[in-house]
């Protein structure tokens, strides 16, 4: 049996398919979706469903009666189970066939670096746009959360068989770039001893003075002073934005995020795409002029009101360039555009989808993930200030204190749409209270076991090892848990929810640690204890090591082979 089929069946897909046939036979609607869960208590079996309880109201029959009918119609062999029972008011509890479990472990090892990946029926070409910060200052921690989530959603989609381009939209046009230039001009003059106030709404952080000093050193003060005021401010805007964008990219690379494409907003104006869009909307009578401004009739396409494209002073809104940008994505051949936006852009989703309708594109082309704010805490108190930025904590300051892996994981371990508190004390803790340390240490411990055994996982042939020698329920639970990796990665990809993988890895580390520590109470249960199950236990260790490594890899985290904390010599 192939690795994909065994692992998937062990994860519950075979049972789900068999249950779908059984519930259809008892009269369930054709669109009824059977939900399978894992009981909190192993006494209730490996898997369970409340399908009968859900169907009771629709079929007007007692739930236990429906459950018993489903049980009678269920093909146990195809479902991959050895037993099924009706419990309570109508739950169905199942126990998996051990042969599928052990075959799944062997197949996972045979799959190797392909373990956890899946193939979708129809691969999509996806544009994943995230971070997209204005090139007017350092990246802050909220950008970091968006960077981590965007990067890992892209990875999850790649592991699911899709082709993904990671893109960063550079907002290098508009008033904020002018303000940057004016702010650098003020700092430049102040450095010369000239009194000059920062512009209203300008950039206040100490980094602006750094940028001004670097430009002055590179260009020379005399050359800058030879320019007239307007020319110098424009030069500061252009050069400063370029420097800060390069700094942002370096921070992202150090954070483990590699952007495939940087797309400049200004290129949409330079290429004439914005002008062409405006003409098209006016020709199609989707845009109209009122009070000197150009408006888009978004209210006709589900938005709460019409939106301005061009202001009465002739300047363009971000909205018009955003529309042109997404049309450009479509023109480049993408099947789906997934944007990661900050919490302050929540109201922008409906108007963008209305705009796509207005230009004849499906609103389903655009999918938006909203990232909520991050609060940094130390000792229970919020940390607000930064030496470099002045008014906010920069991403680089954060991950240089906590380490890249910890920062990424903490950003990923909560649902994106929920505000998060980033606990610096927990982040630097080197105990199992820190979930990153717990997971990585579990991986290092598995590596240490092989080191103690004087061998490597490649010395084992999982096809020749009798895994049925593993008779402990804890060993079986470890095997069942590690076999959930493909299912969890698939669920995380489909729901754009990296936190599901984090939760899964914490659960796996917990059951593995519990299994390992059984040897402290009973030496005969130690992984390296002599006996007929020793080779099978080492094979299970290899599968755990592989699964933890793959799970960490999809999150963009390292899998250390050695971490000093305690002596595992009695493994």
Protein backbone atom coordinates (compact mmCIF):
# COMPACT_ATOMS: atom_id res chain seq x y z
CA UNK A 1 0.00 0.00 0.00
CA UNK A 2 1.37 3.45 -0.84
CA UNK A 3 2.36 5.90 1.86
CA UNK A 4 -0.36 8.34 0.86
CA UNK A 5 -3.17 5.81 1.00
CA UNK A 6 -2.18 4.14 4.25
CA UNK A 7 -1.46 7.33 6.09
CA UNK A 8 -4.65 8.94 4.86
CA UNK A 9 -6.76 5.93 5.76
CA UNK A 10 -5.22 5.78 9.21
CA UNK A 11 -6.09 9.44 9.62
CA UNK A 12 -9.79 8.58 9.20
CA UNK A 13 -10.45 9.14 5.49
CA UNK A 14 -11.33 5.49 4.86
CA UNK A 15 -13.72 5.51 7.81
CA UNK A 16 -15.27 8.76 6.63
CA UNK A 17 -15.86 7.33 3.15
CA UNK A 18 -17.46 4.21 4.57
CA UNK A 19 -19.62 6.27 6.93
CA UNK A 20 -20.78 8.51 4.08
CA UNK A 21 -22.13 5.43 2.31
CA UNK A 22 -23.78 4.16 5.48
CA UNK A 23 -25.50 7.44 6.39
CA UNK A 24 -26.73 7.80 2.81
CA UNK A 25 -28.31 4.36 3.14
CA UNK A 26 -30.23 5.43 6.26
CA UNK A 27 -31.63 8.49 4.46
CA UNK A 28 -29.15 11.30 5.10
CA UNK A 29 -29.34 14.24 2.64
CA UNK A 30 -26.87 14.06 -0.25
CA UNK A 31 -24.91 17.06 1.09
CA UNK A 32 -24.57 15.65 4.60
CA UNK A 33 -20.94 15.71 5.74
CA UNK A 34 -19.87 13.20 8.38
CA UNK A 35 -17.62 14.71 11.04
CA UNK A 36 -15.11 12.46 12.77
CA UNK A 37 -13.42 13.38 16.03
CA UNK A 38 -10.86 11.87 18.37
CA UNK A 39 -12.24 11.15 21.84
CA UNK A 40 -10.41 12.81 24.72
CA UNK A 41 -10.47 9.50 26.60
CA UNK A 42 -8.97 6.45 24.87
CA UNK A 43 -11.53 4.25 26.61
CA UNK A 44 -14.04 5.48 24.01
CA UNK A 45 -11.94 4.21 21.11
CA UNK A 46 -9.73 5.81 18.49
CA UNK A 47 -12.35 7.82 16.58
CA UNK A 48 -15.96 8.85 17.07
CA UNK A 49 -18.82 10.57 15.28
CA UNK A 50 -22.01 12.31 16.35
CA UNK A 51 -23.58 11.86 12.89
CA UNK A 52 -26.63 10.08 14.30
CA UNK A 53 -27.31 12.92 16.74
CA UNK A 54 -27.06 15.49 13.95
CA UNK A 55 -29.35 13.46 11.67
CA UNK A 56 -32.00 12.81 14.32
CA UNK A 57 -33.80 16.09 13.76
CA UNK A 58 -33.64 15.82 9.97
CA UNK A 59 -34.85 12.21 9.84
CA UNK A 60 -37.30 12.51 12.75
CA UNK A 61 -35.95 9.33 14.34
CA UNK A 62 -34.30 8.60 17.71
CA UNK A 63 -30.52 9.10 17.46
CA UNK A 64 -29.65 5.70 18.95
CA UNK A 65 -31.90 4.02 16.41
CA UNK A 66 -30.07 5.86 13.59
CA UNK A 67 -26.68 5.00 15.13
CA UNK A 68 -27.55 1.31 15.30
CA UNK A 69 -28.69 1.38 11.65
CA UNK A 70 -25.43 3.05 10.59
CA UNK A 71 -23.45 0.46 12.57
CA UNK A 72 -25.28 -2.38 10.85
CA UNK A 73 -24.65 -0.91 7.38
CA UNK A 74 -21.00 0.04 7.91
CA UNK A 75 -18.44 -1.96 5.95
CA UNK A 76 -15.82 -2.47 8.67
CA UNK A 77 -13.12 -3.79 6.38
CA UNK A 78 -13.33 -0.82 4.03
CA UNK A 79 -13.54 1.50 7.02
CA UNK A 80 -10.29 0.08 8.42
CA UNK A 81 -11.78 -0.66 11.86
CA UNK A 82 -11.99 -3.74 14.07
CA UNK A 83 -14.89 -2.61 16.23
CA UNK A 84 -17.72 -0.09 16.47
CA UNK A 85 -20.16 0.56 19.29
CA UNK A 86 -23.07 2.86 20.03
CA UNK A 87 -22.52 4.96 23.15
CA UNK A 88 -24.64 7.38 25.16
CA UNK A 89 -27.48 9.09 23.30
CA UNK A 90 -26.19 8.01 19.88
CA UNK A 91 -22.42 8.44 19.49
CA UNK A 92 -20.55 5.91 17.41
CA UNK A 93 -17.08 4.91 18.68
CA UNK A 94 -14.54 3.11 16.51
CA UNK A 95 -11.27 1.26 17.06
CA UNK A 96 -8.83 1.20 14.16
CA UNK A 97 -7.30 -1.97 12.79
CA UNK A 98 -3.76 -2.27 14.22
CA UNK A 99 -2.45 -3.48 10.87
CA UNK A 100 -3.31 -0.14 9.30
CA UNK A 101 -1.60 1.69 12.13
CA UNK A 102 1.67 -0.21 11.83
CA UNK A 103 1.60 -0.19 8.03
CA UNK A 104 1.12 3.56 8.25
CA UNK A 105 4.25 3.96 10.39
CA UNK A 106 6.30 1.94 7.91
CA UNK A 107 4.90 3.86 4.95
CA UNK A 108 5.66 7.20 6.60
CA UNK A 109 9.32 6.21 6.89
CA UNK A 110 9.40 4.99 3.31
CA UNK A 111 7.94 8.34 2.17
CA UNK A 112 10.82 10.18 3.88
CA UNK A 113 10.91 13.87 2.93
CA UNK A 114 7.61 13.41 1.10
CA UNK A 115 5.89 12.50 4.37
CA UNK A 116 3.09 14.95 5.15
CA UNK A 117 2.77 16.23 1.61
CA UNK A 118 -0.33 15.58 -0.47
CA UNK A 119 -1.47 15.90 -4.04
CA UNK A 120 -4.58 17.91 -4.84
CA UNK A 121 -6.91 17.01 -7.67
CA UNK A 122 -6.40 20.37 -9.37
CA UNK A 123 -3.26 22.35 -8.64
CA UNK A 124 -3.63 26.14 -8.59
CA UNK A 125 -1.22 28.95 -9.44
CA UNK A 126 -1.55 31.16 -6.34
CA UNK A 127 -0.30 34.66 -5.61
CA UNK A 128 0.38 35.02 -1.88
CA UNK A 129 0.81 38.70 -1.05
CA UNK A 130 1.83 39.58 2.48
CA UNK A 131 3.71 42.08 4.67
CA UNK A 132 3.53 44.82 1.96
CA UNK A 133 4.61 47.47 4.45
CA UNK A 134 5.17 51.04 3.35
CA UNK A 135 8.92 51.58 2.71
CA UNK A 136 8.94 54.35 5.28
CA UNK A 137 10.39 52.63 8.34
CA UNK A 138 11.45 49.36 9.96
CA UNK A 139 9.10 46.39 10.08
CA UNK A 140 7.22 46.18 13.36
CA UNK A 141 5.89 43.16 15.22
CA UNK A 142 2.48 43.21 13.53
CA UNK A 143 4.32 42.98 10.20
CA UNK A 144 6.16 40.03 11.71
CA UNK A 145 2.94 38.22 12.50
CA UNK A 146 1.70 38.78 8.96
CA UNK A 147 5.07 37.67 7.57
CA UNK A 148 5.07 34.42 9.54
CA UNK A 149 1.46 33.56 8.74
CA UNK A 150 1.72 34.51 5.07
CA UNK A 151 4.93 32.54 4.62
CA UNK A 152 3.57 29.40 6.29
CA UNK A 153 0.20 29.51 4.52
CA UNK A 154 2.23 29.59 1.30
CA UNK A 155 4.26 26.58 2.50
CA UNK A 156 1.11 24.68 3.47
CA UNK A 157 -0.32 25.28 0.00
CA UNK A 158 2.95 24.14 -1.60
CA UNK A 159 2.90 20.98 0.51
CA UNK A 160 -0.62 20.46 -0.82
CA UNK A 161 0.54 20.49 -4.43
CA UNK A 162 -0.11 24.12 -5.41
CA UNK A 163 2.33 26.50 -7.08
CA UNK A 164 2.73 29.60 -4.93
CA UNK A 165 4.47 32.93 -5.56
CA UNK A 166 5.27 34.96 -2.44
CA UNK A 167 4.81 38.63 -3.29
CA UNK A 168 5.39 41.94 -1.51
CA UNK A 169 3.48 44.99 -2.75
CA UNK A 170 5.70 48.04 -2.29
CA UNK A 171 3.59 51.14 -1.59
CA UNK A 172 6.11 53.51 -3.16
CA UNK A 173 3.59 56.06 -4.44
CA UNK A 174 1.48 58.57 -2.59
CA UNK A 175 1.62 61.04 0.24
CA UNK A 176 3.44 58.75 2.71
CA UNK A 177 6.51 58.71 0.46
CA UNK A 178 6.44 62.51 0.24
CA UNK A 179 6.23 62.67 4.04
CA UNK A 180 9.26 60.40 4.30
CA UNK A 181 11.26 62.77 2.10
CA UNK A 182 10.14 65.80 4.09
CA UNK A 183 11.02 64.02 7.36
CA UNK A 184 14.51 63.16 6.07
CA UNK A 185 14.93 66.78 4.95
CA UNK A 186 14.11 67.98 8.47
CA UNK A 187 16.61 65.59 10.04
CA UNK A 188 19.22 66.54 7.43
CA UNK A 189 18.83 70.23 8.27
CA UNK A 190 18.80 69.60 12.02
CA UNK A 191 22.10 67.70 11.69
CA UNK A 192 23.53 70.84 10.06
CA UNK A 193 22.41 72.94 13.02
CA UNK A 194 19.47 74.43 11.15
CA UNK A 195 16.21 74.60 13.11
CA UNK A 196 13.48 72.83 11.17
CA UNK A 197 10.27 71.19 12.38
CA UNK A 198 9.20 67.77 11.20
CA UNK A 199 6.19 67.88 8.86
CA UNK A 200 2.74 67.27 10.29
CA UNK A 201 2.16 63.51 10.21
CA UNK A 202 5.87 62.94 9.51
CA UNK A 203 8.04 60.04 10.66
CA UNK A 204 9.43 60.59 14.14
CA UNK A 205 11.65 57.59 14.83
CA UNK A 206 15.42 57.95 15.32
CA UNK A 207 15.86 55.77 12.21
CA UNK A 208 14.96 58.81 10.05
CA UNK A 209 18.05 60.64 11.31
CA UNK A 210 20.09 57.50 10.56
CA UNK A 211 18.79 57.45 7.00
CA UNK A 212 19.51 61.16 6.57
CA UNK A 213 23.07 60.67 7.83
CA UNK A 214 23.69 57.70 5.53
CA UNK A 215 22.42 59.58 2.47
CA UNK A 216 24.51 62.62 3.37
CA UNK A 217 27.63 60.48 3.82
CA UNK A 218 27.09 58.73 0.47
CA UNK A 219 26.09 61.77 -1.58
CA UNK A 220 28.00 64.51 0.17
CA UNK A 221 26.47 67.55 1.84
CA UNK A 222 27.54 69.92 -0.94
CA UNK A 223 25.74 67.90 -3.62
CA UNK A 224 22.56 67.76 -1.55
CA UNK A 225 22.66 71.50 -0.88
CA UNK A 226 23.15 72.17 -4.60
CA UNK A 227 19.63 70.86 -5.19
CA UNK A 228 16.63 73.13 -4.72
CA UNK A 229 14.26 72.24 -1.89
CA UNK A 230 11.71 70.35 -4.00
CA UNK A 231 14.37 68.39 -5.87
CA UNK A 232 16.14 67.45 -2.63
CA UNK A 233 12.93 66.29 -0.94
CA UNK A 234 12.07 64.16 -3.95
CA UNK A 235 15.58 62.71 -3.89
CA UNK A 236 15.26 61.98 -0.17
CA UNK A 237 11.86 60.34 -0.79
CA UNK A 238 13.15 58.08 -3.53
CA UNK A 239 16.50 57.22 -1.95
CA UNK A 240 15.18 56.85 1.60
CA UNK A 241 12.33 54.57 0.49
CA UNK A 242 14.82 52.42 -1.42
CA UNK A 243 17.12 52.12 1.58
CA UNK A 244 14.29 51.24 3.94
CA UNK A 245 12.85 48.67 1.52
CA UNK A 246 16.24 46.97 1.35
CA UNK A 247 16.38 46.97 5.14
CA UNK A 248 12.91 45.43 5.31
CA UNK A 249 13.96 42.68 2.91
CA UNK A 250 17.07 41.92 5.00
CA UNK A 251 14.91 41.68 8.11
CA UNK A 252 12.54 39.27 6.35
CA UNK A 253 15.40 37.08 5.14
CA UNK A 254 16.82 36.97 8.68
CA UNK A 255 13.32 36.02 9.84
CA UNK A 256 13.26 33.12 7.38
CA UNK A 257 10.92 34.72 4.83
CA UNK A 258 12.04 34.71 1.20
CA UNK A 259 9.97 36.95 -1.07
CA UNK A 260 9.82 35.84 -4.71
CA UNK A 261 8.55 39.11 -6.17
CA UNK A 262 8.61 42.74 -5.06
CA UNK A 263 5.93 44.64 -6.99
CA UNK A 264 6.14 48.44 -7.00
CA UNK A 265 2.88 50.38 -6.82
CA UNK A 266 4.52 53.12 -8.91
CA UNK A 267 4.87 50.70 -11.83
CA UNK A 268 1.09 50.67 -12.19
CA UNK A 269 1.18 54.38 -12.96
CA UNK A 270 4.35 54.22 -15.07
CA UNK A 271 2.91 51.44 -17.25
CA UNK A 272 -0.40 53.24 -17.76
CA UNK A 273 -2.41 50.47 -16.07
CA UNK A 274 -4.12 52.86 -13.65
CA UNK A 275 -5.03 55.28 -16.46
CA UNK A 276 -6.36 52.40 -18.58
CA UNK A 277 -8.45 51.15 -15.64
CA UNK A 278 -10.01 54.57 -15.08
CA UNK A 279 -10.90 54.89 -18.78
CA UNK A 280 -12.40 51.42 -18.77
CA UNK A 281 -14.56 52.13 -15.72
CA UNK A 282 -15.77 55.40 -17.17
CA UNK A 283 -16.51 53.84 -20.56
CA UNK A 284 -18.53 51.08 -18.85
CA UNK A 285 -20.34 53.73 -16.77
CA UNK A 286 -19.20 52.08 -13.54
CA UNK A 287 -17.49 55.35 -12.57
CA UNK A 288 -18.92 58.86 -12.40
CA UNK A 289 -17.73 62.34 -11.49
CA UNK A 290 -19.22 64.31 -8.61
CA UNK A 291 -17.88 67.30 -6.65
CA UNK A 292 -14.75 67.20 -8.77
CA UNK A 293 -13.88 63.60 -7.77
CA UNK A 294 -14.18 60.31 -9.65
CA UNK A 295 -16.29 57.69 -7.88
CA UNK A 296 -16.74 53.96 -8.44
CA UNK A 297 -20.29 52.61 -8.17
CA UNK A 298 -19.32 49.91 -5.67
CA UNK A 299 -22.72 50.18 -3.98
CA UNK A 300 -24.20 48.50 -7.06
CA UNK A 301 -21.96 45.48 -6.37
CA UNK A 302 -22.63 44.89 -2.69
CA UNK A 303 -20.55 47.61 -1.01
CA UNK A 304 -22.22 49.89 1.55
CA UNK A 305 -21.45 53.03 -0.47
CA UNK A 306 -19.60 54.27 -3.55
CA UNK A 307 -15.85 54.84 -3.27
CA UNK A 308 -13.54 57.58 -4.52
CA UNK A 309 -10.96 56.64 -7.16
CA UNK A 310 -9.54 60.10 -7.92
CA UNK A 311 -9.83 62.96 -5.44
CA UNK A 312 -10.98 66.45 -6.39
CA UNK A 313 -7.36 67.66 -6.30
CA UNK A 314 -6.46 65.09 -8.98
CA UNK A 315 -4.55 62.72 -6.68
CA UNK A 316 -5.32 59.02 -6.83
CA UNK A 317 -6.59 57.01 -3.88
CA UNK A 318 -4.94 53.76 -2.85
CA UNK A 319 -8.15 52.04 -3.92
CA UNK A 320 -7.66 52.68 -7.63
CA UNK A 321 -4.09 51.35 -7.62
CA UNK A 322 -5.20 48.35 -5.55
CA UNK A 323 -7.79 47.49 -8.21
CA UNK A 324 -5.20 47.82 -10.97
CA UNK A 325 -2.78 45.70 -8.96
CA UNK A 326 -5.23 42.82 -8.60
CA UNK A 327 -6.12 42.99 -12.28
CA UNK A 328 -2.39 42.74 -12.96
CA UNK A 329 -2.27 39.58 -10.85
CA UNK A 330 -5.05 38.12 -12.96
CA UNK A 331 -3.23 39.16 -16.14
CA UNK A 332 -0.12 37.34 -14.91
CA UNK A 333 -2.05 34.08 -14.90
CA UNK A 334 -2.81 33.49 -11.24
CA UNK A 335 -5.86 31.36 -10.42
CA UNK A 336 -6.18 32.77 -6.91
CA UNK A 337 -4.90 35.85 -5.07
CA UNK A 338 -4.56 35.50 -1.30
CA UNK A 339 -3.80 38.78 0.48
CA UNK A 340 -2.71 39.09 4.10
CA UNK A 341 -3.97 42.41 5.46
CA UNK A 342 -3.77 44.14 8.81
CA UNK A 343 -6.73 44.60 11.13
CA UNK A 344 -7.20 48.19 9.95
CA UNK A 345 -7.99 46.93 6.42
CA UNK A 346 -10.98 44.80 7.40
CA UNK A 347 -13.44 47.23 5.82
CA UNK A 348 -11.48 47.19 2.58
CA UNK A 349 -12.38 43.59 1.73
CA UNK A 350 -15.96 44.20 0.62
CA UNK A 351 -15.08 47.18 -1.56
CA UNK A 352 -12.24 45.28 -3.29
CA UNK A 353 -14.52 42.37 -4.08
CA UNK A 354 -17.17 44.82 -5.34
CA UNK A 355 -14.52 46.40 -7.57
CA UNK A 356 -13.62 43.00 -9.02
CA UNK A 357 -17.30 42.50 -9.84
CA UNK A 358 -17.38 45.90 -11.52
CA UNK A 359 -14.49 45.02 -13.84
CA UNK A 360 -15.97 41.64 -14.74
CA UNK A 361 -13.78 39.44 -12.55
CA UNK A 362 -15.03 36.94 -10.00
CA UNK A 363 -14.84 38.16 -6.44
CA UNK A 364 -13.71 34.62 -5.58
CA UNK A 365 -10.40 35.46 -7.24
CA UNK A 366 -9.48 37.43 -4.11
CA UNK A 367 -9.21 35.84 -0.68
CA UNK A 368 -8.19 37.96 2.29
CA UNK A 369 -6.68 36.89 5.61
CA UNK A 370 -7.01 39.53 8.31
CA UNK A 371 -4.20 39.62 10.86
CA UNK A 372 -5.04 41.07 14.25
CA UNK A 373 -2.72 43.17 16.38
CA UNK A 374 0.15 41.99 18.56
CA UNK A 375 0.90 43.19 22.08
CA UNK A 376 4.42 42.55 23.41
CA UNK A 377 4.54 41.77 27.14
CA UNK A 378 7.46 41.53 29.56
CA UNK A 379 6.67 40.65 33.14
CA UNK A 380 3.01 41.16 32.35
CA UNK A 381 3.58 44.75 31.23
CA UNK A 382 3.25 45.96 27.65
CA UNK A 383 6.50 46.89 25.88
CA UNK A 384 5.90 49.87 23.61
CA UNK A 385 9.19 51.62 22.94
CA UNK A 386 12.04 50.79 20.59
CA UNK A 387 15.56 52.22 20.47
CA UNK A 388 15.48 52.32 16.68
CA UNK A 389 11.85 53.05 15.83
CA UNK A 390 11.00 55.20 18.82
CA UNK A 391 7.31 54.42 19.07
CA UNK A 392 7.03 50.69 18.35
CA UNK A 393 8.96 47.44 18.78
CA UNK A 394 10.65 46.38 15.56
CA UNK A 395 10.52 42.85 14.22
CA UNK A 396 14.31 42.55 14.23
CA UNK A 397 14.56 43.63 17.88
CA UNK A 398 12.03 40.95 18.76
CA UNK A 399 13.55 37.97 16.99
CA UNK A 400 17.10 38.94 17.97
CA UNK A 401 15.99 38.66 21.60
CA UNK A 402 13.88 35.51 21.33
CA UNK A 403 15.48 33.71 18.41
CA UNK A 404 13.94 33.33 14.99
CA UNK A 405 12.24 29.98 15.60
CA UNK A 406 10.53 31.14 18.78
CA UNK A 407 9.32 34.39 17.24
CA UNK A 408 7.91 32.63 14.19
CA UNK A 409 6.20 29.94 16.26
CA UNK A 410 4.63 32.38 18.71
CA UNK A 411 3.17 34.37 15.81
CA UNK A 412 1.81 31.14 14.29
CA UNK A 413 0.37 29.38 17.32
CA UNK A 414 -2.77 31.51 17.58
CA UNK A 415 -5.53 32.05 15.03
CA UNK A 416 -4.70 35.01 12.81
CA UNK A 417 -8.04 36.72 13.39
CA UNK A 418 -7.53 36.86 17.17
CA UNK A 419 -5.39 39.58 18.84
CA UNK A 420 -2.36 38.05 20.54
CA UNK A 421 -0.16 38.74 23.53
CA UNK A 422 3.49 37.88 22.85
CA UNK A 423 4.98 36.90 26.22
CA UNK A 424 8.71 37.64 26.11
CA UNK A 425 9.35 35.82 29.39
CA UNK A 426 7.80 32.64 28.04
CA UNK A 427 9.56 33.09 24.70
CA UNK A 428 13.02 32.92 26.27
CA UNK A 429 12.13 30.13 28.71
CA UNK A 430 14.01 26.87 28.14
CA UNK A 431 11.53 24.46 29.66
CA UNK A 432 8.54 22.54 28.39
CA UNK A 433 6.39 25.54 29.31
CA UNK A 434 7.74 27.02 26.07
CA UNK A 435 5.98 25.06 23.28
CA UNK A 436 8.81 25.63 20.77
CA UNK A 437 11.37 24.24 23.17
CA UNK A 438 9.08 21.30 23.98
CA UNK A 439 8.69 20.31 20.33
CA UNK A 440 12.30 20.84 19.33
CA UNK A 441 13.56 19.01 22.40
CA UNK A 442 11.34 16.03 21.59
CA UNK A 443 13.02 15.89 18.17
CA UNK A 444 16.50 16.21 19.69
CA UNK A 445 15.66 13.45 22.15
CA UNK A 446 14.73 11.08 19.31
CA UNK A 447 18.06 11.89 17.64
CA UNK A 448 19.85 11.25 20.93
CA UNK A 449 18.26 7.83 21.22
CA UNK A 450 19.79 6.79 17.91
CA UNK A 451 23.12 8.24 18.99
CA UNK A 452 22.97 6.09 22.15
CA UNK A 453 22.04 3.07 20.06
CA UNK A 454 25.08 3.64 17.81
CA UNK A 455 22.97 3.73 14.67
CA UNK A 456 20.88 5.99 12.43
CA UNK A 457 17.28 5.69 11.20
CA UNK A 458 18.60 4.71 7.77
CA UNK A 459 20.01 1.52 9.33
CA UNK A 460 16.43 0.30 9.78
CA UNK A 461 14.27 -1.18 7.03
CA UNK A 462 10.68 -0.46 8.11
CA UNK A 463 9.40 -3.08 5.66
CA UNK A 464 11.30 -5.79 7.52
CA UNK A 465 10.58 -4.73 11.10
CA UNK A 466 7.72 -6.44 12.94
CA UNK A 467 5.91 -3.42 14.35
CA UNK A 468 3.24 -5.71 15.80
CA UNK A 469 5.79 -6.32 18.56
CA UNK A 470 4.69 -2.95 19.93
CA UNK A 471 1.97 -4.01 22.36
CA UNK A 472 1.74 -1.03 24.71
CA UNK A 473 -1.22 1.30 24.34
CA UNK A 474 1.17 4.26 24.69
CA UNK A 475 3.14 3.04 21.66
CA UNK A 476 -0.04 2.68 19.67
CA UNK A 477 -1.11 6.20 20.67
CA UNK A 478 2.24 7.62 19.52
CA UNK A 479 1.81 5.86 16.18
CA UNK A 480 -1.76 7.08 15.72
CA UNK A 481 -0.77 10.63 16.58
CA UNK A 482 2.19 10.83 14.22
CA UNK A 483 0.05 9.45 11.39
CA UNK A 484 -2.21 12.50 11.65
CA UNK A 485 0.45 14.75 10.09
CA UNK A 486 -0.89 14.68 6.49
CA UNK A 487 -4.42 15.30 7.72
CA UNK A 488 -3.37 18.23 9.90
CA UNK A 489 -1.28 19.82 7.17
CA UNK A 490 -4.17 19.39 4.74
CA UNK A 491 -6.66 20.91 7.17
CA UNK A 492 -4.30 23.82 7.91
CA UNK A 493 -3.80 24.46 4.20
CA UNK A 494 -7.50 24.32 3.38
CA UNK A 495 -8.46 26.67 6.22
CA UNK A 496 -5.33 28.88 5.91
CA UNK A 497 -4.67 28.15 9.59
CA UNK A 498 -1.02 27.42 10.54
CA UNK A 499 -1.97 27.25 14.22
CA UNK A 500 -3.49 23.81 13.56
CA UNK A 501 -0.01 22.45 12.81
CA UNK A 502 1.36 24.08 15.97
CA UNK A 503 -1.35 22.49 18.08
CA UNK A 504 -0.72 19.13 16.45
CA UNK A 505 3.04 19.23 17.06
CA UNK A 506 2.47 20.09 20.72
CA UNK A 507 0.10 17.13 21.03
CA UNK A 508 2.62 14.82 19.36
CA UNK A 509 5.46 16.02 21.60
CA UNK A 510 3.26 15.44 24.65
CA UNK A 511 2.37 11.83 23.82
CA UNK A 512 5.96 11.09 22.81
CA UNK A 513 7.32 12.49 26.08
CA UNK A 514 4.77 10.51 28.08
CA UNK A 515 5.77 7.32 26.23
CA UNK A 516 9.46 8.02 26.74
CA UNK A 517 9.09 8.66 30.47
CA UNK A 518 7.33 5.31 31.02
CA UNK A 519 10.86 3.91 31.00
CA UNK A 520 11.65 5.88 34.15
CA UNK A 521 9.08 3.81 36.04
CA UNK A 522 9.68 0.49 34.30
CA UNK A 523 13.16 -0.12 32.79
CA UNK A 524 11.72 -2.85 30.56
CA UNK A 525 9.76 -0.13 28.74
CA UNK A 526 12.81 1.95 27.88
CA UNK A 527 13.23 2.43 24.16
CA UNK A 528 16.68 0.82 24.14
CA UNK A 529 15.80 -2.00 26.54
CA UNK A 530 16.85 -5.38 25.16
CA UNK A 531 14.07 -7.63 23.94
CA UNK A 532 11.99 -8.54 20.89
CA UNK A 533 10.39 -5.06 20.67
CA UNK A 534 13.67 -3.05 20.65
CA UNK A 535 13.92 -2.79 16.86
CA UNK A 536 10.23 -1.96 16.57
CA UNK A 537 10.58 0.78 19.22
CA UNK A 538 13.54 2.27 17.34
CA UNK A 539 11.46 2.24 14.17
CA UNK A 540 8.73 4.13 16.00
CA UNK A 541 11.36 6.61 17.24
CA UNK A 542 12.49 7.12 13.63
CA UNK A 543 8.92 7.83 12.56
CA UNK A 544 8.47 10.34 15.39
CA UNK A 545 11.75 12.04 14.49
CA UNK A 546 10.69 12.30 10.84
CA UNK A 547 7.21 13.59 11.68
CA UNK A 548 8.49 16.27 14.06
CA UNK A 549 11.10 17.33 11.50
CA UNK A 550 8.50 17.58 8.72
CA UNK A 551 6.08 19.48 10.92
CA UNK A 552 8.76 21.95 11.94
CA UNK A 553 9.87 22.29 8.32
CA UNK A 554 6.45 23.32 7.05
CA UNK A 555 6.44 26.03 9.74
CA UNK A 556 9.87 27.21 8.63
CA UNK A 557 11.53 26.12 11.89
CA UNK A 558 14.73 24.20 12.55
CA UNK A 559 14.82 20.66 13.94
CA UNK A 560 17.86 20.55 16.27
CA UNK A 561 19.57 17.22 16.69
CA UNK A 562 21.04 18.13 20.06
CA UNK A 563 19.68 20.33 22.86
CA UNK A 564 21.27 20.24 26.30
CA UNK A 565 18.89 19.92 29.20
CA UNK A 566 19.03 16.52 30.79
CA UNK A 567 20.89 13.21 30.48
CA UNK A 568 19.01 10.81 28.20
CA UNK A 569 21.58 8.07 28.67
CA UNK A 570 18.94 5.66 29.92
CA UNK A 571 16.81 5.96 26.78
